Amino acid sequence: MANRSKPTTRRELETAIVVKAIKDGEFRQRLLSNPREGVVAAVKEIDPDFEIPQGIDVKVFEEPKKAFYLVLPQTPTDNIEISDEDLEKVAGGIFTDQWGDATVIIGY
């Protein structure tokens, strides 16, 4: 994953990690045995400043051949008002928000 531009969305980040796991069996095992360490190591190749905040649980699952997994993100329970500044971010295709301790990147 070295020498790539930084992912701009969560989907791009996940895709970069999955592609690395497909190409590198040792990395795949690292992800399965120590998900936090594996994710951080993979993303640091792209963004050396990347850290996962403490308290964030990181899980990696290996999907069986006859299964389909869909992970839905947490839905905020509070009414969220979007400022004009945030609307401008969405208009550009990327929106980041803090939900608890997590920064969520939305967009494709």
N, C-alpha and C. Protein backbone atom coordinates (compact mmCIF):
# COMPACT_ATOMS: atom_id res chain seq x y z
N MET A 1 0.81 -1.19 0.00
CA MET A 1 0.00 0.00 0.00
C MET A 1 0.85 1.26 0.00
N ALA A 2 2.15 1.13 0.07
CA ALA A 2 3.02 2.29 0.08
C ALA A 2 2.90 3.05 -1.23
N ASN A 3 3.19 4.35 -1.17
CA ASN A 3 3.18 5.22 -2.33
C ASN A 3 1.80 5.44 -2.92
N ARG A 4 0.75 5.19 -2.19
CA ARG A 4 -0.60 5.48 -2.65
C ARG A 4 -1.06 6.78 -2.03
N SER A 5 -2.04 7.42 -2.67
CA SER A 5 -2.61 8.60 -2.06
C SER A 5 -3.49 8.18 -0.88
N LYS A 6 -3.71 9.10 0.03
CA LYS A 6 -4.51 8.79 1.21
C LYS A 6 -5.95 8.51 0.80
N PRO A 7 -6.56 7.48 1.39
CA PRO A 7 -7.98 7.24 1.14
C PRO A 7 -8.78 8.45 1.62
N THR A 8 -9.82 8.78 0.88
CA THR A 8 -10.64 9.92 1.27
C THR A 8 -11.96 9.50 1.89
N THR A 9 -12.27 8.22 1.84
CA THR A 9 -13.50 7.73 2.44
C THR A 9 -13.22 6.46 3.22
N ARG A 10 -14.15 6.13 4.07
CA ARG A 10 -14.03 4.87 4.82
C ARG A 10 -14.00 3.69 3.85
N ARG A 11 -14.82 3.74 2.82
CA ARG A 11 -14.87 2.66 1.83
C ARG A 11 -13.52 2.46 1.17
N GLU A 12 -12.85 3.55 0.80
CA GLU A 12 -11.52 3.44 0.18
C GLU A 12 -10.51 2.85 1.16
N LEU A 13 -10.61 3.24 2.42
CA LEU A 13 -9.72 2.71 3.44
C LEU A 13 -9.93 1.21 3.59
N GLU A 14 -11.18 0.79 3.71
CA GLU A 14 -11.49 -0.63 3.84
C GLU A 14 -11.02 -1.41 2.63
N THR A 15 -11.23 -0.84 1.45
CA THR A 15 -10.82 -1.51 0.21
C THR A 15 -9.30 -1.69 0.17
N ALA A 16 -8.55 -0.67 0.58
CA ALA A 16 -7.09 -0.77 0.59
C ALA A 16 -6.63 -1.88 1.53
N ILE A 17 -7.28 -2.01 2.69
CA ILE A 17 -6.90 -3.05 3.65
C ILE A 17 -7.27 -4.43 3.11
N VAL A 18 -8.44 -4.57 2.52
CA VAL A 18 -8.87 -5.86 1.96
C VAL A 18 -7.94 -6.28 0.83
N VAL A 19 -7.59 -5.36 -0.06
CA VAL A 19 -6.70 -5.69 -1.17
C VAL A 19 -5.35 -6.16 -0.64
N LYS A 20 -4.82 -5.47 0.37
CA LYS A 20 -3.55 -5.89 0.97
C LYS A 20 -3.67 -7.29 1.56
N ALA A 21 -4.80 -7.57 2.22
CA ALA A 21 -5.01 -8.90 2.83
C ALA A 21 -5.13 -9.99 1.78
N ILE A 22 -5.68 -9.68 0.63
CA ILE A 22 -5.79 -10.65 -0.45
C ILE A 22 -4.42 -10.96 -1.04
N LYS A 23 -3.59 -9.93 -1.18
CA LYS A 23 -2.27 -10.09 -1.79
C LYS A 23 -1.22 -10.64 -0.84
N ASP A 24 -1.42 -10.44 0.46
CA ASP A 24 -0.38 -10.77 1.44
C ASP A 24 -0.98 -11.66 2.54
N GLY A 25 -0.76 -12.98 2.42
CA GLY A 25 -1.31 -13.95 3.36
C GLY A 25 -0.84 -13.74 4.79
N GLU A 26 0.41 -13.31 4.96
CA GLU A 26 0.94 -13.04 6.30
C GLU A 26 0.19 -11.87 6.94
N PHE A 27 -0.05 -10.82 6.14
CA PHE A 27 -0.82 -9.68 6.65
C PHE A 27 -2.24 -10.10 7.00
N ARG A 28 -2.85 -10.94 6.17
CA ARG A 28 -4.21 -11.43 6.42
C ARG A 28 -4.28 -12.12 7.79
N GLN A 29 -3.30 -12.96 8.09
CA GLN A 29 -3.28 -13.64 9.38
C GLN A 29 -3.08 -12.66 10.53
N ARG A 30 -2.27 -11.64 10.29
CA ARG A 30 -2.06 -10.59 11.31
C ARG A 30 -3.38 -9.86 11.60
N LEU A 31 -4.14 -9.55 10.54
CA LEU A 31 -5.44 -8.91 10.72
C LEU A 31 -6.37 -9.78 11.56
N LEU A 32 -6.38 -11.07 11.28
CA LEU A 32 -7.28 -11.98 11.99
C LEU A 32 -6.85 -12.21 13.44
N SER A 33 -5.54 -12.25 13.69
CA SER A 33 -5.06 -12.53 15.04
C SER A 33 -4.97 -11.28 15.91
N ASN A 34 -4.70 -10.13 15.31
CA ASN A 34 -4.61 -8.88 16.05
C ASN A 34 -5.15 -7.75 15.17
N PRO A 35 -6.48 -7.63 15.10
CA PRO A 35 -7.10 -6.67 14.18
C PRO A 35 -6.62 -5.23 14.33
N ARG A 36 -6.55 -4.74 15.55
CA ARG A 36 -6.14 -3.33 15.76
C ARG A 36 -4.74 -3.11 15.20
N GLU A 37 -3.80 -3.97 15.56
CA GLU A 37 -2.42 -3.84 15.10
C GLU A 37 -2.35 -3.93 13.58
N GLY A 38 -3.09 -4.87 12.99
CA GLY A 38 -3.06 -5.04 11.54
C GLY A 38 -3.61 -3.83 10.80
N VAL A 39 -4.75 -3.33 11.27
CA VAL A 39 -5.36 -2.16 10.62
C VAL A 39 -4.44 -0.95 10.74
N VAL A 40 -3.93 -0.70 11.93
CA VAL A 40 -3.05 0.45 12.13
C VAL A 40 -1.81 0.34 11.25
N ALA A 41 -1.20 -0.83 11.20
CA ALA A 41 0.00 -1.02 10.38
C ALA A 41 -0.29 -0.76 8.90
N ALA A 42 -1.42 -1.26 8.42
CA ALA A 42 -1.76 -1.08 7.00
C ALA A 42 -2.02 0.38 6.67
N VAL A 43 -2.76 1.06 7.53
CA VAL A 43 -3.10 2.45 7.24
C VAL A 43 -1.90 3.36 7.42
N LYS A 44 -1.01 3.03 8.35
CA LYS A 44 0.19 3.86 8.54
C LYS A 44 1.08 3.86 7.29
N GLU A 45 0.98 2.84 6.45
CA GLU A 45 1.72 2.84 5.19
C GLU A 45 1.24 3.97 4.28
N ILE A 46 -0.01 4.35 4.44
CA ILE A 46 -0.60 5.42 3.64
C ILE A 46 -0.54 6.75 4.40
N ASP A 47 -0.87 6.70 5.69
CA ASP A 47 -0.95 7.90 6.52
C ASP A 47 -0.20 7.64 7.83
N PRO A 48 1.07 8.05 7.91
CA PRO A 48 1.89 7.75 9.10
C PRO A 48 1.32 8.30 10.41
N ASP A 49 0.43 9.27 10.35
CA ASP A 49 -0.14 9.87 11.55
C ASP A 49 -1.40 9.15 12.04
N PHE A 50 -1.83 8.11 11.34
CA PHE A 50 -3.07 7.42 11.67
C PHE A 50 -2.97 6.70 13.01
N GLU A 51 -3.97 6.85 13.84
CA GLU A 51 -4.11 6.12 15.11
C GLU A 51 -5.58 5.79 15.30
N ILE A 52 -5.86 4.67 15.92
CA ILE A 52 -7.22 4.34 16.31
C ILE A 52 -7.35 4.74 17.77
N PRO A 53 -8.32 5.59 18.09
CA PRO A 53 -8.48 6.02 19.48
C PRO A 53 -8.68 4.83 20.42
N GLN A 54 -8.10 4.93 21.63
CA GLN A 54 -8.31 3.90 22.64
C GLN A 54 -9.81 3.80 22.91
N GLY A 55 -10.26 2.63 23.23
CA GLY A 55 -11.67 2.42 23.51
C GLY A 55 -12.48 2.04 22.28
N ILE A 56 -11.87 2.15 21.10
CA ILE A 56 -12.54 1.71 19.87
C ILE A 56 -12.20 0.25 19.67
N ASP A 57 -13.23 -0.58 19.58
CA ASP A 57 -13.06 -2.02 19.39
C ASP A 57 -12.89 -2.30 17.90
N VAL A 58 -11.86 -3.02 17.53
CA VAL A 58 -11.59 -3.35 16.13
C VAL A 58 -11.77 -4.85 15.96
N LYS A 59 -12.64 -5.23 15.04
CA LYS A 59 -12.89 -6.65 14.76
C LYS A 59 -12.69 -6.89 13.27
N VAL A 60 -12.12 -8.03 12.94
CA VAL A 60 -11.95 -8.45 11.55
C VAL A 60 -12.52 -9.85 11.45
N PHE A 61 -13.38 -10.06 10.47
CA PHE A 61 -14.01 -11.36 10.25
C PHE A 61 -13.62 -11.87 8.87
N GLU A 62 -13.38 -13.16 8.79
CA GLU A 62 -13.13 -13.79 7.49
C GLU A 62 -14.45 -14.38 7.03
N GLU A 63 -14.98 -13.84 5.95
CA GLU A 63 -16.29 -14.25 5.46
C GLU A 63 -16.21 -15.65 4.83
N PRO A 64 -17.05 -16.59 5.28
CA PRO A 64 -17.07 -17.92 4.67
C PRO A 64 -17.58 -17.85 3.23
N LYS A 65 -17.29 -18.87 2.45
CA LYS A 65 -17.70 -18.88 1.04
C LYS A 65 -19.21 -18.77 0.87
N LYS A 66 -19.96 -19.38 1.76
CA LYS A 66 -21.42 -19.38 1.61
C LYS A 66 -22.09 -18.44 2.61
N ALA A 67 -21.56 -17.24 2.70
CA ALA A 67 -22.12 -16.24 3.61
C ALA A 67 -21.99 -14.86 2.99
N PHE A 68 -22.80 -13.96 3.48
CA PHE A 68 -22.75 -12.56 3.07
C PHE A 68 -22.88 -11.73 4.34
N TYR A 69 -21.87 -10.92 4.64
CA TYR A 69 -21.90 -10.08 5.83
C TYR A 69 -22.12 -8.63 5.39
N LEU A 70 -22.98 -7.95 6.09
CA LEU A 70 -23.21 -6.53 5.88
C LEU A 70 -23.12 -5.85 7.23
N VAL A 71 -22.23 -4.89 7.36
CA VAL A 71 -22.05 -4.18 8.62
C VAL A 71 -22.66 -2.79 8.47
N LEU A 72 -23.63 -2.51 9.31
CA LEU A 72 -24.26 -1.20 9.29
C LEU A 72 -23.59 -0.30 10.31
N PRO A 73 -23.31 0.95 9.94
CA PRO A 73 -22.70 1.87 10.91
C PRO A 73 -23.71 2.26 11.98
N GLN A 74 -23.19 2.70 13.11
CA GLN A 74 -24.03 3.18 14.20
C GLN A 74 -24.87 4.34 13.72
N THR A 75 -26.13 4.36 14.09
CA THR A 75 -27.01 5.47 13.76
C THR A 75 -27.06 6.40 14.96
N PRO A 76 -26.80 7.68 14.73
CA PRO A 76 -26.86 8.61 15.86
C PRO A 76 -28.29 8.69 16.39
N THR A 77 -28.42 8.77 17.70
CA THR A 77 -29.75 8.82 18.31
C THR A 77 -30.23 10.24 18.51
N ASP A 78 -29.32 11.21 18.46
CA ASP A 78 -29.71 12.60 18.64
C ASP A 78 -30.09 13.20 17.30
N ASN A 79 -30.95 14.21 17.36
CA ASN A 79 -31.27 14.97 16.16
C ASN A 79 -30.02 15.75 15.77
N ILE A 80 -29.57 15.59 14.57
CA ILE A 80 -28.35 16.27 14.14
C ILE A 80 -28.73 17.39 13.17
N GLU A 81 -28.32 18.60 13.53
CA GLU A 81 -28.50 19.72 12.62
C GLU A 81 -27.21 19.89 11.85
N ILE A 82 -27.32 20.11 10.56
CA ILE A 82 -26.14 20.27 9.72
C ILE A 82 -25.94 21.75 9.44
N SER A 83 -24.76 22.24 9.77
CA SER A 83 -24.44 23.66 9.54
C SER A 83 -24.20 23.89 8.05
N ASP A 84 -24.20 25.17 7.66
CA ASP A 84 -23.89 25.52 6.28
C ASP A 84 -22.49 25.03 5.89
N GLU A 85 -21.55 25.11 6.84
CA GLU A 85 -20.19 24.64 6.59
C GLU A 85 -20.18 23.14 6.29
N ASP A 86 -20.92 22.36 7.08
CA ASP A 86 -20.99 20.92 6.85
C ASP A 86 -21.71 20.59 5.54
N LEU A 87 -22.72 21.38 5.20
CA LEU A 87 -23.40 21.16 3.93
C LEU A 87 -22.45 21.37 2.75
N GLU A 88 -21.55 22.34 2.88
CA GLU A 88 -20.55 22.56 1.84
C GLU A 88 -19.64 21.35 1.69
N LYS A 89 -19.28 20.73 2.82
CA LYS A 89 -18.44 19.53 2.78
C LYS A 89 -19.16 18.40 2.06
N VAL A 90 -20.44 18.24 2.34
CA VAL A 90 -21.22 17.18 1.70
C VAL A 90 -21.32 17.44 0.21
N ALA A 91 -21.49 18.69 -0.16
CA ALA A 91 -21.59 19.04 -1.57
C ALA A 91 -20.32 18.66 -2.32
N GLY A 92 -19.19 18.63 -1.60
CA GLY A 92 -17.93 18.23 -2.21
C GLY A 92 -17.75 16.73 -2.26
N GLY A 93 -18.69 15.96 -1.69
CA GLY A 93 -18.63 14.51 -1.74
C GLY A 93 -18.07 13.85 -0.50
N ILE A 94 -17.52 14.63 0.44
CA ILE A 94 -16.93 14.06 1.65
C ILE A 94 -17.50 14.79 2.85
N PHE A 95 -17.84 14.04 3.88
CA PHE A 95 -18.34 14.63 5.12
C PHE A 95 -17.74 13.86 6.27
N THR A 96 -17.10 14.55 7.19
CA THR A 96 -16.58 13.88 8.38
C THR A 96 -17.33 14.41 9.59
N ASP A 97 -17.54 13.55 10.56
CA ASP A 97 -18.28 13.92 11.75
C ASP A 97 -17.74 13.14 12.93
N GLN A 98 -17.83 13.68 14.11
CA GLN A 98 -17.47 12.99 15.34
C GLN A 98 -18.72 12.36 15.93
N TRP A 99 -18.73 11.06 16.09
CA TRP A 99 -19.80 10.36 16.80
C TRP A 99 -19.14 9.68 17.97
N GLY A 100 -19.29 10.25 19.15
CA GLY A 100 -18.59 9.73 20.30
C GLY A 100 -17.10 9.97 20.11
N ASP A 101 -16.31 8.94 20.29
CA ASP A 101 -14.86 9.06 20.13
C ASP A 101 -14.41 8.78 18.70
N ALA A 102 -15.34 8.44 17.82
CA ALA A 102 -14.97 8.03 16.46
C ALA A 102 -15.19 9.16 15.46
N THR A 103 -14.25 9.30 14.54
CA THR A 103 -14.45 10.20 13.41
C THR A 103 -15.01 9.35 12.28
N VAL A 104 -16.14 9.76 11.75
CA VAL A 104 -16.81 9.01 10.71
C VAL A 104 -16.63 9.76 9.39
N ILE A 105 -16.19 9.08 8.36
CA ILE A 105 -16.02 9.67 7.04
C ILE A 105 -17.12 9.11 6.15
N ILE A 106 -17.90 10.01 5.57
CA ILE A 106 -19.02 9.59 4.75
C ILE A 106 -18.80 10.17 3.35
N GLY A 107 -19.02 9.37 2.34
CA GLY A 107 -18.88 9.84 0.98
C GLY A 107 -18.23 8.80 0.11
N TYR A 108 -18.39 8.96 -1.17
CA TYR A 108 -17.79 8.04 -2.14
C TYR A 108 -17.09 8.80 -3.22
